[in-house]
Protein backbone atom coordinates (compact mmCIF):
# COMPACT_ATOMS: atom_id res chain seq x y z
CA UNK A 1 17.18 10.07 75.17
CA UNK A 2 14.64 11.91 72.87
CA UNK A 3 13.63 9.96 69.86
CA UNK A 4 14.36 11.48 66.54
CA UNK A 5 11.56 12.78 64.63
CA UNK A 6 11.18 12.69 60.73
CA UNK A 7 10.68 15.92 58.81
CA UNK A 8 8.19 14.22 56.70
CA UNK A 9 5.78 13.74 59.72
CA UNK A 10 5.28 11.48 62.64
CA UNK A 11 6.54 7.88 61.96
CA UNK A 12 3.86 5.25 61.75
CA UNK A 13 4.17 2.72 64.62
CA UNK A 14 5.33 -0.70 63.68
CA UNK A 15 3.01 -3.37 64.49
CA UNK A 16 4.10 -5.60 67.19
CA UNK A 17 3.93 -9.30 66.40
CA UNK A 18 1.95 -11.49 68.89
CA UNK A 19 4.00 -13.77 71.05
CA UNK A 20 3.39 -15.83 74.08
CA UNK A 21 -0.35 -16.62 75.00
CA UNK A 22 -1.92 -14.21 72.46
CA UNK A 23 0.37 -16.34 69.64
CA UNK A 24 -0.82 -19.61 70.94
CA UNK A 25 -4.53 -18.30 70.92
CA UNK A 26 -4.02 -16.96 67.08
CA UNK A 27 -2.63 -20.23 65.89
CA UNK A 28 -5.16 -22.30 67.74
CA UNK A 29 -7.83 -20.17 66.28
CA UNK A 30 -6.59 -20.26 62.64
CA UNK A 31 -6.40 -24.25 63.08
CA UNK A 32 -9.75 -24.40 64.48
CA UNK A 33 -11.41 -22.37 61.79
CA UNK A 34 -9.42 -24.27 59.07
CA UNK A 35 -11.64 -27.23 60.05
CA UNK A 36 -14.97 -25.41 59.65
CA UNK A 37 -16.59 -25.27 56.30
CA UNK A 38 -17.45 -21.90 54.37
CA UNK A 39 -21.12 -21.79 54.13
CA UNK A 40 -23.79 -18.70 54.39
CA UNK A 41 -26.29 -20.93 56.25
CA UNK A 42 -25.18 -22.45 59.42
CA UNK A 43 -27.48 -24.85 61.54
CA UNK A 44 -26.75 -25.20 65.24
CA UNK A 45 -26.92 -28.88 66.57
CA UNK A 46 -25.11 -31.35 68.62
CA UNK A 47 -22.03 -31.41 66.55
CA UNK A 48 -21.24 -27.60 66.59
CA UNK A 49 -22.51 -26.31 69.73
CA UNK A 50 -19.87 -26.23 72.64
CA UNK A 51 -20.30 -25.53 76.26
CA UNK A 52 -18.17 -25.02 79.34
CA UNK A 53 -18.57 -23.36 82.78
CA UNK A 54 -18.01 -19.72 83.23
CA UNK A 55 -16.19 -18.26 86.03
CA UNK A 56 -19.52 -17.87 87.93
CA UNK A 57 -20.08 -21.63 87.13
CA UNK A 58 -16.78 -22.43 88.52
CA UNK A 59 -17.29 -20.65 91.74
CA UNK A 60 -20.62 -21.98 91.98
CA UNK A 61 -19.00 -25.70 91.68
CA UNK A 62 -16.45 -24.55 94.47
CA UNK A 63 -19.07 -23.49 96.78
CA UNK A 64 -20.89 -26.85 96.42
CA UNK A 65 -17.55 -28.65 97.16
CA UNK A 66 -17.35 -26.57 100.36
CA UNK A 67 -20.98 -26.97 101.50
CA UNK A 68 -20.51 -30.68 100.72
CA UNK A 69 -17.39 -30.96 102.83
CA UNK A 70 -19.03 -28.92 105.76
CA UNK A 71 -22.10 -31.14 105.66
CA UNK A 72 -19.81 -34.40 105.70
CA UNK A 73 -17.88 -33.11 108.63
CA UNK A 74 -20.71 -31.65 110.81
CA UNK A 75 -23.20 -34.51 109.67
CA UNK A 76 -25.94 -32.05 108.47
CA UNK A 77 -28.47 -33.65 106.71
CA UNK A 78 -30.26 -30.44 105.60
CA UNK A 79 -26.89 -29.46 104.14
CA UNK A 80 -26.78 -32.44 102.12
CA UNK A 81 -30.33 -31.64 100.99
CA UNK A 82 -29.30 -28.18 100.08
CA UNK A 83 -26.19 -29.24 98.33
CA UNK A 84 -27.51 -32.02 96.11
CA UNK A 85 -30.65 -29.50 95.35
CA UNK A 86 -28.28 -26.87 94.17
CA UNK A 87 -26.18 -29.25 92.17
CA UNK A 88 -29.26 -30.56 90.35
CA UNK A 89 -30.24 -27.07 89.69
CA UNK A 90 -26.75 -26.52 88.10
CA UNK A 91 -27.12 -29.47 85.91
CA UNK A 92 -30.46 -28.32 84.74
CA UNK A 93 -28.77 -24.89 83.92
CA UNK A 94 -26.23 -26.50 81.64
CA UNK A 95 -28.99 -28.63 79.75
CA UNK A 96 -31.33 -25.24 79.34
CA UNK A 97 -28.08 -23.11 78.14
CA UNK A 98 -27.10 -25.71 75.39
CA UNK A 99 -30.69 -26.12 74.50
CA UNK A 100 -31.01 -22.41 74.16
CA UNK A 101 -28.68 -22.75 70.87
CA UNK A 102 -29.45 -26.13 69.50
CA UNK A 103 -31.86 -25.89 66.60
CA UNK A 104 -31.22 -22.41 65.40
CA UNK A 105 -30.26 -21.64 61.91
CA UNK A 106 -27.93 -18.73 60.97
CA UNK A 107 -28.21 -17.13 57.40
CA UNK A 108 -25.93 -14.23 56.18
CA UNK A 109 -27.63 -11.95 53.44
CA UNK A 110 -25.59 -10.46 50.66
CA UNK A 111 -23.24 -7.80 52.07
CA UNK A 112 -23.28 -4.35 49.84
CA UNK A 113 -20.11 -2.84 48.73
CA UNK A 114 -18.71 0.24 50.28
CA UNK A 115 -15.49 2.29 50.40
CA UNK A 116 -12.45 1.00 52.18
CA UNK A 117 -11.90 2.34 55.71
CA UNK A 118 -15.86 2.60 56.15
CA UNK A 119 -17.88 -0.05 58.21
CA UNK A 120 -19.48 -2.83 56.11
CA UNK A 121 -22.90 -3.69 57.50
CA UNK A 122 -23.35 -7.64 58.01
CA UNK A 123 -27.07 -8.71 58.49
CA UNK A 124 -27.50 -12.03 59.80
CA UNK A 125 -31.07 -13.92 60.02
CA UNK A 126 -31.54 -15.99 62.97
CA UNK A 127 -34.35 -18.57 62.10
CA UNK A 128 -35.93 -20.28 65.36
CA UNK A 129 -38.12 -23.27 64.64
CA UNK A 130 -38.76 -24.15 68.25
CA UNK A 131 -39.74 -22.49 71.55
CA UNK A 132 -38.48 -18.81 72.26
CA UNK A 133 -34.86 -18.36 72.79
CA UNK A 134 -33.39 -15.58 75.08
CA UNK A 135 -29.99 -14.15 75.74
CA UNK A 136 -28.27 -14.78 72.44
CA UNK A 137 -25.25 -12.71 71.65
CA UNK A 138 -23.60 -12.57 68.09
CA UNK A 139 -20.03 -11.32 67.87
CA UNK A 140 -16.86 -11.66 65.59
CA UNK A 141 -14.42 -14.44 66.74
CA UNK A 142 -11.55 -12.20 66.56
CA UNK A 143 -12.27 -9.45 68.90
CA UNK A 144 -9.06 -8.13 68.80
CA UNK A 145 -9.36 -6.83 65.04
CA UNK A 146 -13.04 -6.66 64.46
CA UNK A 147 -14.30 -5.34 67.97
CA UNK A 148 -15.51 -7.26 71.09
CA UNK A 149 -18.92 -5.70 71.31
CA UNK A 150 -21.52 -8.37 70.62
CA UNK A 151 -25.05 -7.80 69.32
CA UNK A 152 -27.57 -8.87 71.75
CA UNK A 153 -30.86 -10.38 70.49
CA UNK A 154 -33.86 -12.82 71.16
CA UNK A 155 -35.21 -15.36 68.89
CA UNK A 156 -39.27 -15.52 68.93
CA UNK A 157 -40.93 -18.87 69.02
CA UNK A 158 -41.38 -20.29 65.58
CA UNK A 159 -40.18 -17.03 63.70
CA UNK A 160 -36.83 -15.06 62.93
CA UNK A 161 -34.84 -12.20 64.14
CA UNK A 162 -32.31 -9.92 62.27
CA UNK A 163 -29.01 -9.13 63.77
CA UNK A 164 -26.74 -6.54 62.42
CA UNK A 165 -22.71 -6.44 62.94
CA UNK A 166 -20.23 -4.28 60.92
CA UNK A 167 -16.65 -4.55 60.20
CA UNK A 168 -14.29 -2.07 58.46
CA UNK A 169 -12.17 -3.36 55.19
CA UNK A 170 -8.67 -1.92 55.58
CA UNK A 171 -8.10 -1.70 51.83
CA UNK A 172 -9.85 -2.03 48.41
CA UNK A 173 -10.46 -5.23 46.90
CA UNK A 174 -12.37 -8.43 48.14
CA UNK A 175 -12.51 -9.29 51.89
CA UNK A 176 -13.92 -12.60 53.28
CA UNK A 177 -16.38 -11.93 56.09
CA UNK A 178 -14.79 -12.75 59.45
CA UNK A 179 -15.68 -15.73 61.40
CA UNK A 180 -18.86 -15.29 63.82
CA UNK A 181 -19.67 -16.69 67.16
CA UNK A 182 -23.19 -17.10 68.49
CA UNK A 183 -23.10 -17.65 72.29
CA UNK A 184 -25.42 -17.45 75.20
CA UNK A 185 -25.22 -17.93 79.19
CA UNK A 186 -28.90 -18.04 79.54
CA UNK A 187 -30.48 -18.80 82.18
CA UNK A 188 -28.27 -18.57 85.06
CA UNK A 189 -24.85 -17.60 83.62
CA UNK A 190 -23.21 -20.68 84.94
CA UNK A 191 -22.41 -22.09 81.65
CA UNK A 192 -21.37 -20.70 78.19
CA UNK A 193 -22.46 -22.25 74.97
CA UNK A 194 -21.16 -21.09 71.93
CA UNK A 195 -20.92 -22.05 67.91
CA UNK A 196 -18.25 -20.77 65.55
CA UNK A 197 -19.33 -20.16 62.16
CA UNK A 198 -17.40 -19.25 58.87
CA UNK A 199 -19.60 -17.42 56.22
CA UNK A 200 -18.76 -17.90 52.81
CA UNK A 201 -19.76 -14.34 51.80
CA UNK A 202 -17.32 -11.58 50.69
CA UNK A 203 -17.33 -7.83 50.86
CA UNK A 204 -16.03 -5.62 47.88
CA UNK A 205 -14.22 -2.35 49.29
CA UNK A 206 -14.04 0.26 46.78
CA UNK A 207 -10.96 2.85 46.76
CA UNK A 208 -11.05 5.69 48.96
CA UNK A 209 -11.79 8.64 46.81
CA UNK A 210 -9.11 11.28 46.59
CA UNK A 211 -9.79 14.15 49.23
CA UNK A 212 -9.23 17.08 47.19
CA UNK A 213 -8.88 15.95 43.75
CA UNK A 214 -8.60 18.52 40.63
CA UNK A 215 -11.23 19.43 38.37
CA UNK A 216 -12.72 17.02 35.83
CA UNK A 217 -10.66 16.81 32.65
CA UNK A 218 -11.49 19.52 29.96
CA UNK A 219 -13.79 17.52 28.13
CA UNK A 220 -16.21 16.92 31.16
CA UNK A 221 -16.08 20.58 32.06
CA UNK A 222 -16.96 21.52 28.41
CA UNK A 223 -19.81 19.04 28.35
CA UNK A 224 -21.13 20.34 31.76
CA UNK A 225 -20.82 24.08 30.69
CA UNK A 226 -22.81 23.22 27.53
CA UNK A 227 -25.64 21.53 29.49
CA UNK A 228 -25.75 24.19 31.75
CA UNK A 229 -26.00 26.87 28.88
CA UNK A 230 -28.79 24.71 27.39
CA UNK A 231 -30.75 24.75 30.63
CA UNK A 232 -30.35 28.51 31.12
CA UNK A 233 -31.38 29.31 27.34
CA UNK A 234 -34.32 26.92 27.54
CA UNK A 235 -33.53 24.86 24.49
CA UNK A 236 -36.20 22.93 22.71
CA UNK A 237 -36.35 19.23 22.94
CA UNK A 238 -35.25 17.22 20.07
CA UNK A 239 -37.54 14.41 21.32
CA UNK A 240 -38.24 11.83 23.99
CA UNK A 241 -37.59 8.39 24.32
CA UNK A 242 -38.36 5.40 26.68
CA UNK A 243 -36.81 5.80 30.01
CA UNK A 244 -33.66 3.51 30.15
CA UNK A 245 -32.01 2.21 33.37
CA UNK A 246 -29.13 4.61 34.32
CA UNK A 247 -31.03 7.92 33.13
CA UNK A 248 -30.96 10.62 36.05
CA UNK A 249 -34.21 11.88 37.46
CA UNK A 250 -33.34 15.42 35.66
CA UNK A 251 -33.81 13.96 32.34
CA UNK A 252 -37.11 12.65 33.03
CA UNK A 253 -39.99 14.46 31.21
CA UNK A 254 -42.47 14.86 34.14
CA UNK A 255 -45.31 16.74 32.35
CA UNK A 256 -45.09 13.97 29.73
CA UNK A 257 -45.59 11.41 32.51
CA UNK A 258 -48.19 13.18 34.10
CA UNK A 259 -50.34 13.37 30.89
CA UNK A 260 -49.59 10.12 29.20
CA UNK A 261 -48.81 7.86 32.36
CA UNK A 262 -45.54 6.47 30.50
CA UNK A 263 -41.97 7.06 31.82
CA UNK A 264 -39.96 8.98 29.19
CA UNK A 265 -36.63 10.98 29.24
CA UNK A 266 -35.78 14.08 27.51
CA UNK A 267 -33.22 13.94 24.58
CA UNK A 268 -31.48 16.82 23.17
CA UNK A 269 -28.84 16.81 20.40
CA UNK A 270 -26.36 18.65 22.71
CA UNK A 271 -26.81 15.76 25.40
CA UNK A 272 -26.92 12.98 22.98
CA UNK A 273 -23.85 13.70 21.68
CA UNK A 274 -21.63 14.85 24.84
CA UNK A 275 -19.70 12.30 26.92
CA UNK A 276 -16.82 12.14 29.22
CA UNK A 277 -14.13 9.54 29.44
CA UNK A 278 -12.20 9.09 32.85
CA UNK A 279 -8.89 7.82 31.28
CA UNK A 280 -6.05 6.00 33.69
CA UNK A 281 -3.61 7.75 31.65
CA UNK A 282 -4.93 11.43 32.27
CA UNK A 283 -4.82 11.13 35.96
CA UNK A 284 -1.19 12.98 36.20
CA UNK A 285 -0.27 10.61 39.01
CA UNK A 286 1.90 7.61 39.38
CA UNK A 287 0.99 4.58 41.42
CA UNK A 288 -1.85 2.22 41.31
CA UNK A 289 -3.61 3.42 44.39
CA UNK A 290 -3.38 7.17 43.81
CA UNK A 291 -4.69 6.87 40.40
CA UNK A 292 -7.68 4.73 41.50
CA UNK A 293 -8.44 7.19 44.43
CA UNK A 294 -8.37 10.27 41.64
CA UNK A 295 -10.48 8.25 39.27
CA UNK A 296 -13.08 7.60 42.06
CA UNK A 297 -13.39 11.00 43.13
CA UNK A 298 -13.81 12.11 39.27
CA UNK A 299 -16.67 9.42 38.80
CA UNK A 300 -18.47 10.77 42.08
CA UNK A 301 -17.87 14.30 40.71
CA UNK A 302 -19.33 13.68 37.25
CA UNK A 303 -22.32 11.63 39.01
CA UNK A 304 -23.13 14.77 41.05
CA UNK A 305 -22.90 17.01 37.90
CA UNK A 306 -25.07 14.98 35.85
CA UNK A 307 -22.36 14.15 33.11
CA UNK A 308 -22.52 10.67 31.45
CA UNK A 309 -19.05 9.64 32.08
CA UNK A 310 -17.06 6.26 31.09
CA UNK A 311 -14.09 4.84 32.67
CA UNK A 312 -10.97 3.54 30.82
CA UNK A 313 -8.46 1.43 32.46
CA UNK A 314 -5.67 -0.60 30.99
CA UNK A 315 -7.29 -3.67 29.27
CA UNK A 316 -10.70 -2.43 30.60
CA UNK A 317 -13.38 -0.27 29.67
CA UNK A 318 -16.77 0.78 30.89
CA UNK A 319 -19.00 2.90 28.43
CA UNK A 320 -20.42 6.23 29.47
CA UNK A 321 -23.70 6.25 31.31
CA UNK A 322 -25.36 7.79 34.50
CA UNK A 323 -27.25 6.72 37.42
CA UNK A 324 -26.78 4.50 40.65
CA UNK A 325 -26.19 1.24 38.67
CA UNK A 326 -23.56 2.81 36.40
CA UNK A 327 -21.79 4.46 39.39
CA UNK A 328 -21.55 1.15 41.42
CA UNK A 329 -20.23 -0.76 38.24
CA UNK A 330 -17.53 1.96 37.92
CA UNK A 331 -16.51 1.69 41.56
CA UNK A 332 -16.49 -1.92 41.49
CA UNK A 333 -14.47 -2.02 38.33
CA UNK A 334 -11.77 0.34 40.27
CA UNK A 335 -12.12 -2.12 43.11
CA UNK A 336 -11.26 -5.21 41.30
CA UNK A 337 -8.74 -3.90 39.13
CA UNK A 338 -5.40 -5.70 39.77
CA UNK A 339 -2.80 -4.10 37.80
CA UNK A 340 -1.69 -2.96 34.03
């Protein structure tokens, strides 16, 4: 039987709830992580480093059992010697694998904000006060939702190394950094040692800008046209003022900077008196997320056009300015806004 199709486009698949063994694993992971503290610095020691044999380790143990039985059955003295020699090497391997993690310290650097649906980069500093460590792998604990490809690294003796991972916030707002796992199977791959870490850091995801927004409101277009006309007509400067944080590089009086060595900005009567307000009520849309998406797109348009713009939301207001700091403050305000 052919499935029915909606006239409004393909239907989105309904996410399937985990059941069986995946459900048990998910519940156990949630219970286990709830026991761990939230911290941006994680010191690895005897209490939080765990170790178990790998599949290769289990096969190695099974091989030792077969060799021991064969040596007993055929009374092979050299077989006994080889069996116990390999067993001793396996025990030393377990000690080295556990010691490859013990003593390390992990530190999460502050995570920069970004747009929802785009990867957010995490930078973890691995500090090693002892001997050199090899074969370290850092990954997310939940591989199904955050990817299963670990970041591999070595930690130099008495130094530190930087490891980067990325995850994608699905929607705007604050997101907690997912739990991380540092693991190793060095040197022989017979044992796997790991430690689970719950960082306390959070990531702020900005709303995704509207793909094809309409032009800026009329006030912004007029201000932009007047500025363009002033530039074409070569209007004289009314004066200069000290450079303020948020001024665009186009406002800097570079000739004045070259002659006096002081960073100053141009100021004309037309530029000083013009500003654009991006208002929640003037988006022409209904619904919270579409309005925020349009305001974010307008904010980026105004920034590219060099227009001083402010932001008005119900109960919140950001004065008109320019610059990277102002753009980030506006997008942060849109990301954190919770409703009228």
